[in-house]
Protein backbone atom coordinates (compact mmCIF):
# COMPACT_ATOMS: atom_id res chain seq x y z
CA THR A 1 99.02 -24.78 54.06
CA ILE A 2 101.65 -25.08 56.81
CA ASP A 3 99.94 -26.23 59.99
CA ASN A 4 102.66 -27.24 62.45
CA LEU A 5 105.57 -25.47 64.08
CA ARG A 6 108.28 -27.71 62.63
CA GLU A 7 107.14 -27.16 59.05
CA ALA A 8 106.70 -23.44 59.71
CA LEU A 9 110.29 -23.15 60.94
CA ILE A 10 111.63 -25.17 58.00
CA ALA A 11 109.59 -23.15 55.50
CA THR A 12 110.81 -19.91 57.11
CA GLY A 13 114.43 -21.01 56.93
CA LEU A 14 114.03 -22.04 53.30
CA SER A 15 112.33 -18.75 52.46
CA VAL A 16 115.13 -16.71 54.06
CA ALA A 17 117.75 -18.78 52.24
CA LEU A 18 115.82 -18.33 48.98
CA LEU A 19 115.67 -14.58 49.61
CA ILE A 20 119.45 -14.29 50.10
CA ALA A 21 120.35 -16.56 47.18
CA GLY A 22 117.78 -14.88 44.94
CA ILE A 23 119.17 -11.42 45.64
CA ALA A 24 122.68 -12.65 44.80
CA ASN A 25 121.29 -14.19 41.59
CA ASN A 26 119.36 -11.10 40.52
CA VAL A 27 122.03 -8.54 41.30
CA GLY A 28 124.80 -10.77 39.99
CA GLY A 29 122.85 -11.48 36.79
CA SER A 30 122.38 -7.80 36.03
CA MET A 31 125.86 -6.73 37.10
CA GLN A 32 127.67 -9.40 35.08
CA SER A 33 125.80 -8.08 32.03
CA TYR A 34 126.92 -4.54 32.82
CA VAL A 35 130.60 -5.40 33.29
CA MET A 36 130.71 -7.83 30.31
CA PRO A 37 128.12 -6.32 27.91
CA ALA A 38 129.73 -7.72 24.75
CA PHE A 39 129.68 -11.35 25.91
CA PRO A 40 126.04 -12.34 26.59
CA ILE A 41 126.24 -15.83 25.04
CA TRP A 42 129.51 -16.63 26.80
CA ILE A 43 127.92 -15.70 30.12
CA LEU A 44 125.03 -18.04 29.36
CA TYR A 45 126.89 -21.17 28.33
CA MET A 46 129.82 -20.90 30.73
CA THR A 47 127.67 -20.38 33.81
CA THR A 48 125.25 -23.10 32.66
CA ILE A 49 128.07 -25.60 32.16
CA VAL A 50 129.27 -24.92 35.72
CA TYR A 51 125.94 -25.19 37.49
CA SER A 52 124.73 -28.15 35.39
CA THR A 53 127.83 -30.02 36.56
CA VAL A 54 127.03 -29.07 40.17
CA PHE A 55 123.42 -30.23 39.79
CA PHE A 56 124.49 -33.63 38.44
CA LEU A 57 126.84 -34.08 41.41
CA VAL A 58 124.05 -33.15 43.84
CA ALA A 59 121.61 -35.41 41.97
CA PHE A 60 123.74 -38.49 42.66
CA TYR A 61 122.98 -38.08 46.38
CA TYR A 62 119.30 -38.76 45.68
CA GLU A 63 119.45 -41.21 42.80
CA ASN A 64 121.38 -42.02 39.64
CA PRO A 65 120.44 -39.27 37.16
CA PHE A 66 121.40 -41.62 34.31
CA SER A 67 119.18 -44.47 35.52
CA LYS A 68 116.84 -46.27 33.16
CA ALA A 69 113.90 -44.31 34.57
CA ASN A 70 115.56 -40.98 33.85
CA ARG A 71 116.54 -42.09 30.33
CA THR A 72 113.00 -42.93 29.28
CA LEU A 73 111.76 -41.03 26.22
CA LYS A 74 108.92 -39.49 28.23
CA ARG A 75 111.22 -37.92 30.80
CA GLN A 76 113.86 -36.90 28.29
CA LYS A 77 111.26 -35.10 26.17
CA TYR A 78 110.04 -33.26 29.26
CA TYR A 79 113.58 -32.34 30.34
CA LEU A 80 114.20 -31.06 26.81
CA LEU A 81 111.04 -28.93 26.92
CA LEU A 82 112.10 -27.40 30.24
CA GLY A 83 115.59 -26.88 28.83
CA LEU A 84 114.25 -24.97 25.83
CA ASN A 85 112.18 -22.73 28.12
CA THR A 86 115.25 -22.13 30.27
CA ALA A 87 117.38 -21.36 27.22
CA MET A 88 114.91 -18.86 25.80
CA SER A 89 114.52 -17.18 29.18
CA GLY A 90 118.30 -16.95 29.53
CA VAL A 91 118.90 -15.69 25.99
CA PHE A 92 116.23 -12.99 26.16
CA PHE A 93 117.39 -11.94 29.62
CA GLN A 94 121.08 -11.85 28.75
CA PHE A 95 120.66 -9.93 25.49
CA SER A 96 118.43 -7.35 27.18
CA ALA A 97 119.74 -7.03 30.75
CA ALA A 98 122.85 -5.04 29.81
CA TRP A 99 120.67 -2.39 28.18
CA VAL A 100 117.91 -2.06 30.77
CA ASP A 101 118.28 0.04 33.91
CA GLY A 102 119.02 -2.00 37.06
CA LEU A 103 115.96 -0.71 38.89
CA LEU A 104 113.74 -1.30 35.88
CA THR A 105 114.91 -4.92 35.63
CA GLN A 106 113.75 -5.53 39.20
CA ILE A 107 110.34 -4.08 38.32
CA LEU A 108 109.95 -6.11 35.13
CA ALA A 109 111.08 -9.32 36.86
CA ASN A 110 107.79 -9.28 38.78
CA PHE A 111 105.97 -10.28 35.58
CA THR A 112 106.94 -13.87 36.42
CA ILE A 113 104.96 -13.65 39.65
CA LEU A 114 101.88 -12.41 37.78
CA GLN A 115 102.00 -15.27 35.28
CA VAL A 116 102.40 -18.27 37.61
CA PRO A 117 98.85 -18.08 39.10
CA ILE A 118 97.44 -17.76 35.56
CA LEU A 119 99.31 -20.87 34.44
CA GLU A 120 98.05 -22.79 37.47
CA CYS A 121 94.44 -21.83 36.78
CA VAL A 122 94.61 -22.61 33.06
CA PHE A 123 96.60 -25.85 33.06
CA MET A 124 95.89 -27.36 36.50
CA PRO A 125 92.09 -27.36 36.90
CA GLU A 126 92.33 -29.11 40.28
CA ARG A 127 93.99 -25.97 41.69
CA ARG A 128 91.42 -23.49 40.43
CA LYS A 129 89.44 -23.91 43.61
CA ASN A 130 92.39 -22.45 45.51
CA TYR A 131 91.91 -19.17 43.68
CA ARG A 132 88.29 -19.05 44.83
CA ASP A 133 89.45 -19.18 48.44
CA PRO A 134 88.99 -15.71 50.00
CA ARG A 135 92.18 -16.17 52.01
CA GLN A 136 94.24 -16.90 48.89
CA ILE A 137 92.68 -13.96 47.04
CA ALA A 138 93.45 -11.67 49.99
CA SER A 139 96.98 -13.05 50.19
CA LEU A 140 97.70 -12.38 46.51
CA ALA A 141 96.17 -8.91 46.76
CA ILE A 142 98.40 -8.07 49.73
CA VAL A 143 101.49 -9.40 47.93
CA PHE A 144 100.74 -7.31 44.84
CA ILE A 145 100.16 -4.25 47.05
CA GLY A 146 103.57 -4.93 48.60
CA ILE A 147 105.13 -5.14 45.14
CA GLY A 148 103.48 -1.84 44.22
CA ILE A 149 104.80 -0.16 47.36
CA GLY A 150 108.28 -1.53 46.78
CA ILE A 151 108.64 -0.49 43.15
CA TYR A 152 107.01 2.94 43.55
CA PRO A 153 110.28 4.90 43.86
CA ALA A 154 111.79 3.07 40.91
CA ILE A 155 108.78 3.86 38.73
CA SER A 156 108.81 7.47 39.93
CA HIS A 157 112.51 7.78 39.17
CA LEU A 158 112.18 6.29 35.69
CA ILE A 159 109.24 8.55 34.82
CA THR A 160 111.08 11.63 36.09
CA ALA A 161 114.36 10.73 34.42
CA HIS A 162 112.69 9.50 31.20
CA GLY A 163 114.98 6.47 31.19
CA SER A 164 118.34 5.60 32.55
CA SER A 165 120.78 8.14 33.89
CA SER A 166 123.69 5.84 33.08
CA GLY A 167 124.14 7.02 29.49
CA GLU A 168 124.41 4.95 26.37
CA GLU A 169 124.99 1.61 28.10
CA GLN A 170 121.53 1.39 29.65
CA SER A 171 119.27 2.93 27.06
CA ASP A 172 115.97 1.31 28.12
CA ARG A 173 114.85 1.01 24.50
CA TRP A 174 111.43 -0.57 23.98
CA TYR A 175 112.79 -3.67 22.24
CA TRP A 176 115.14 -4.46 25.17
CA ILE A 177 112.23 -4.06 27.58
CA LEU A 178 110.04 -6.40 25.50
CA LEU A 179 112.83 -8.98 25.36
CA PHE A 180 113.20 -8.77 29.14
CA ILE A 181 109.46 -9.28 29.65
CA ALA A 182 109.56 -12.26 27.28
CA SER A 183 112.32 -13.77 29.42
CA THR A 184 109.99 -13.61 32.46
CA SER A 185 107.30 -15.52 30.52
CA PHE A 186 109.68 -18.36 29.67
CA ASN A 187 110.87 -18.36 33.28
CA ALA A 188 107.27 -18.67 34.51
CA LEU A 189 106.70 -21.60 32.15
CA GLN A 190 109.86 -23.28 33.42
CA LEU A 191 108.82 -22.88 37.08
CA PHE A 192 105.35 -24.19 36.29
CA GLY A 193 106.91 -27.08 34.37
CA GLN A 194 108.96 -28.02 37.42
CA ASP A 195 105.80 -28.02 39.53
CA VAL A 196 104.15 -30.43 37.09
CA ALA A 197 107.23 -32.67 37.04
CA TYR A 198 107.34 -32.89 40.83
CA SER A 199 103.60 -33.18 41.50
CA ASP A 200 101.96 -35.04 38.60
CA LYS A 201 101.19 -38.49 39.98
CA ASN A 202 100.44 -40.03 36.60
CA CYS A 203 102.92 -38.75 34.04
CA PHE A 204 106.37 -39.30 35.50
CA VAL A 205 106.24 -42.29 37.83
CA THR A 206 107.89 -45.33 36.32
CA LYS A 207 107.08 -49.00 36.97
CA ASP A 208 110.06 -49.38 39.27
CA GLN A 209 108.97 -46.32 41.31
CA PRO A 210 105.38 -46.94 42.45
CA LYS A 211 103.12 -44.17 43.70
CA SER A 212 103.06 -45.22 47.34
CA ILE A 213 104.65 -44.70 50.72
CA GLU A 214 106.67 -47.86 50.01
CA ASN A 215 108.90 -45.74 47.81
CA PRO A 216 109.90 -43.01 50.29
CA SER A 217 111.74 -39.88 49.22
CA ARG A 218 114.83 -38.58 50.99
CA TYR A 219 113.05 -35.28 51.31
CA PRO A 220 111.77 -35.13 54.92
CA ILE A 221 108.82 -32.78 54.48
CA GLN A 222 105.32 -33.57 53.30
CA SER A 223 103.34 -30.37 53.20
CA THR A 224 100.04 -32.15 52.62
CA PRO A 225 98.73 -35.72 52.59
CA ASP A 226 97.26 -35.08 49.12
CA VAL A 227 98.85 -37.63 46.78
CA THR A 228 99.14 -35.05 44.00
CA THR A 229 101.73 -33.05 45.93
CA SER A 230 103.42 -35.59 48.19
CA PRO A 231 107.02 -36.55 47.38
CA GLU A 232 105.96 -40.17 46.83
CA ALA A 233 103.65 -39.11 44.02
CA THR A 234 106.48 -38.84 41.52
CA GLY A 235 109.76 -40.48 40.64
CA ILE A 236 111.51 -37.22 39.69
CA GLN A 237 113.87 -35.66 42.22
CA GLY A 238 114.50 -31.90 42.04
CA PRO A 239 118.28 -31.95 41.46
CA VAL A 240 117.91 -34.63 38.77
CA CYS A 241 115.39 -32.51 36.88
CA LEU A 242 117.56 -29.39 37.27
CA ALA A 243 120.65 -31.20 36.00
CA TRP A 244 119.00 -32.55 32.87
CA PHE A 245 117.05 -29.53 31.71
CA ASN A 246 119.89 -27.08 32.35
CA MET A 247 122.23 -29.35 30.39
CA TYR A 248 119.76 -29.39 27.49
CA SER A 249 119.84 -25.59 27.34
CA ILE A 250 123.60 -25.46 26.62
CA PRO A 251 123.49 -26.47 22.90
CA VAL A 252 120.97 -23.69 22.26
CA TYR A 253 123.45 -21.12 23.54
CA PHE A 254 126.21 -22.43 21.26
CA LEU A 255 123.88 -22.30 18.24
CA LEU A 256 123.07 -18.65 18.99
CA ILE A 257 126.68 -17.40 19.07
CA PRO A 258 126.38 -16.01 15.48
CA LEU A 259 123.54 -13.74 16.67
CA GLN A 260 126.17 -11.59 18.32
CA SER A 261 127.08 -10.37 14.84
CA VAL A 262 123.67 -8.71 14.40
CA LYS A 263 123.40 -5.03 15.25
CA TYR A 264 121.14 -4.09 18.16
CA ILE A 265 121.14 -7.70 19.34
CA ASN A 266 124.85 -7.30 20.04
CA GLY A 267 124.08 -4.07 21.89
CA THR A 268 125.64 -1.74 19.32
CA ASN A 269 124.46 0.17 16.26
CA SER A 270 126.66 -1.80 13.87
CA SER A 271 126.91 -5.37 12.66
CA THR A 272 130.02 -7.53 12.71
CA THR A 273 131.05 -10.75 11.00
CA VAL A 274 130.08 -14.20 12.25
CA GLU A 275 133.80 -14.95 12.50
CA HIS A 276 134.17 -12.05 14.90
CA SER A 277 131.40 -13.55 17.05
CA TYR A 278 133.51 -16.64 17.65
CA ILE A 279 136.68 -14.59 18.21
CA ASN A 280 134.62 -12.66 20.73
CA GLU A 281 134.12 -15.85 22.76
CA GLY A 282 137.88 -16.14 23.21
CA ASN A 283 138.01 -12.51 24.30
CA ALA A 284 135.34 -13.30 26.90
CA PHE A 285 137.62 -15.89 28.52
CA LYS A 286 140.43 -13.34 28.58
CA CYS A 287 138.12 -10.81 30.19
CA PHE A 288 136.93 -13.21 32.88
CA PHE A 289 140.45 -14.36 33.77
CA GLY A 290 141.74 -10.78 34.08
CA ASP A 291 143.63 -10.46 30.78
CA PRO A 292 141.24 -8.49 28.53
CA THR A 293 142.19 -7.07 25.16
CA ALA A 294 143.07 -3.38 25.07
CA TYR A 295 140.13 -2.72 22.76
CA ASP A 296 137.60 -4.36 25.11
CA VAL A 297 138.88 -2.27 28.01
CA GLN A 298 138.84 0.92 25.93
CA VAL A 299 135.24 0.56 24.71
CA GLY A 300 133.90 -0.82 27.99
CA ASN A 301 133.32 -4.40 26.85
CA CYS A 302 135.32 -5.67 29.83
CA GLN A 303 135.11 -3.66 33.02
CA SER A 304 136.47 -4.17 36.50
CA GLU A 305 134.92 -6.99 38.56
CA ALA A 306 134.29 -9.05 35.40
CA THR A 307 135.50 -12.05 37.39
CA LEU A 308 133.63 -11.30 40.61
CA TRP A 309 130.07 -10.82 39.36
CA PRO A 310 129.77 -14.04 37.34
CA LEU A 311 130.97 -15.93 40.43
CA ILE A 312 128.40 -14.16 42.63
CA TYR A 313 125.73 -14.97 40.07
CA LEU A 314 126.77 -18.64 40.01
CA ALA A 315 126.66 -18.97 43.78
CA GLY A 316 123.27 -17.27 43.92
CA TYR A 317 121.76 -19.22 41.06
CA ILE A 318 122.90 -22.67 42.19
CA ASN A 319 121.53 -22.18 45.70
CA MET A 320 118.39 -20.42 44.52
CA VAL A 321 117.23 -23.08 42.06
CA LEU A 322 118.02 -25.95 44.42
CA ILE A 323 115.92 -24.28 47.13
CA LEU A 324 113.21 -23.44 44.59
CA ALA A 325 113.04 -27.07 43.44
CA TYR A 326 112.79 -28.26 47.03
CA MET A 327 110.03 -25.80 47.88
CA ILE A 328 108.09 -26.38 44.66
CA ARG A 329 108.15 -30.11 45.35
CA HIS A 330 106.78 -29.77 48.87
CA TYR A 331 104.69 -26.59 48.89
CA GLY A 332 103.73 -26.15 45.24
CA VAL A 333 104.92 -23.40 42.91
CA LEU A 334 103.00 -20.49 44.45
CA LEU A 335 104.84 -20.12 47.80
CA PRO A 336 108.39 -19.88 46.41
CA THR A 337 107.13 -17.68 43.57
CA LEU A 338 105.66 -15.22 46.08
CA VAL A 339 108.92 -15.27 48.05
CA THR A 340 110.69 -14.20 44.86
CA ALA A 341 108.56 -11.04 44.96
CA ALA A 342 110.50 -10.07 48.07
CA VAL A 343 113.69 -11.08 46.22
CA GLN A 344 113.03 -8.47 43.53
CA LEU A 345 112.57 -5.75 46.14
CA GLY A 346 115.65 -6.91 48.05
CA ALA A 347 117.65 -6.62 44.82
CA THR A 348 116.20 -3.13 44.34
CA VAL A 349 117.58 -2.17 47.77
CA VAL A 350 121.02 -3.54 46.81
CA PHE A 351 120.94 -1.37 43.68
CA THR A 352 120.86 1.67 45.96
CA ILE A 353 124.26 0.80 47.49
CA PRO A 354 127.08 2.32 45.40
CA ALA A 355 129.71 0.34 47.30
CA ILE A 356 128.22 -2.84 45.82
CA VAL A 357 126.92 -1.90 42.36
CA THR A 358 129.13 1.17 41.74
CA LYS A 359 127.87 4.73 41.31
CA ALA A 360 127.11 4.17 37.61
CA HIS A 361 124.33 1.71 38.45
CA ALA A 362 123.20 2.91 41.89
CA ASP A 363 120.11 4.93 42.75
CA ALA A 364 119.01 6.80 45.86
CA PHE A 365 117.96 4.69 48.85
CA SER A 366 114.28 4.48 49.69
CA TRP A 367 112.32 2.81 52.49
CA PHE A 368 109.55 1.84 50.06
CA PRO A 369 111.17 -1.47 48.98
CA VAL A 370 111.77 -2.37 52.63
CA GLY A 371 108.14 -1.63 53.46
CA GLY A 372 107.06 -3.56 50.39
CA CYS A 373 109.00 -6.62 51.61
CA VAL A 374 107.21 -6.47 54.97
CA VAL A 375 103.80 -6.31 53.27
CA ILE A 376 104.71 -9.22 50.94
CA ILE A 377 105.79 -11.36 53.90
CA ALA A 378 102.47 -10.59 55.62
CA GLY A 379 100.60 -11.72 52.51
CA ILE A 380 102.58 -14.97 52.32
CA VAL A 381 101.95 -15.73 56.00
CA ILE A 382 98.21 -15.13 55.64
CA GLN A 383 97.97 -17.71 52.86
CA HIS A 384 100.43 -20.42 53.89
CA VAL A 385 100.37 -20.54 57.69
CA LYS A 386 97.31 -22.05 59.37
CA PHE A 387 97.34 -20.48 62.81
CA SER A 388 94.19 -22.32 63.91
CA SER A 389 96.09 -25.61 63.68
CA PHE A 390 98.89 -24.20 65.84
CA ARG A 391 96.32 -23.11 68.41
CA ARG A 392 94.49 -26.45 68.31
CA ARG A 393 97.69 -28.44 68.73
CA SER A 394 98.81 -26.18 71.58
CA GLU A 395 95.48 -26.82 73.31
CA GLU A 396 95.80 -30.56 72.70
CA ASN A 397 99.31 -30.58 74.14
CA ALA A 398 98.15 -28.58 77.15
CA GLY A 399 95.35 -31.12 77.68
CA LEU A 400 97.78 -34.02 77.56
CA ILE A 401 100.05 -32.35 80.07
CA GLN A 402 97.12 -31.64 82.36
CA SER A 403 95.92 -35.27 82.09
CA ALA A 404 99.38 -36.57 82.88
CA ALA A 405 99.51 -34.34 85.95
């Protein structure tokens, strides 16, 4: 709970930044799949290599990511586990996103938000009491109502159109939809895993990083004096964790390159050779750098803006996950997860702007997602802002001023 003005302003700024970065990530992630549909694995490993490098550079500001503490078997095993979750989420998303309607992807992405509270209740018993709090229950109900309002036109459109209006490219087949939903489950596990890494006071603090105020973090905010969520409760810094587990996901992507030879998985009705899968990786570089093969242009494997959208995705992802890590560390996993509900609706609004996503992927504008965002924000405020503390502190300050006078 945020109970002072300074924290409220910081949390608001972080939430707005997360909203903007998240929209860039979501729209960029879908659009890069549309403009480079034949290169899903290339998109995964190239973008991951770039942002893992960025995370390691950021991590050095806080601590040495290659320190003895970070090289312990216990931490490395945990980083590897998070990396595998990240890899599976990325693979399932990337293989499916090119074949699922843009609006539908924003609807399905909300499955992550549904799963995080379940994971908290099942695996963190000390937080179950939070879900018996009437205010938290009301907050979640309001957020889910906001999601329902926001995605109503998309659901209505999909039911009316019986699938995508974009032709063969976005076929909305059941297996692509199931793969996309699976990607949200792995993403929820990864977010929950970060929360455990940043808040567990027993598992990840090394002997040279005691659980006390004597080992202060560079992070300035402490959302609660509870030792289980204070920055001093753990030796793991957000950027360090991000750098390691994203790096561990890269080998998985390389191992899965041959899968692009399998029909349906490669987005076509025909299989190719494994050799062609590796040749395809070279063609992906040509596509990104503006020199695609004539065949890829002809069949739509490399479309215009194949350079732009991966860059937009990278910028959005890097900023989004850094902000997410910061907020998870200081406010727990629920607040930033609920903010991402507004991100999905914001991305839905962007998918109604043909000038951004092109006419092939755009849908009619609706005020429902905007209204849904407002309702979601109201639900977040109800849960995370303690107005009584603001009022009490204002009264205390007024009393001090009066006494001084």
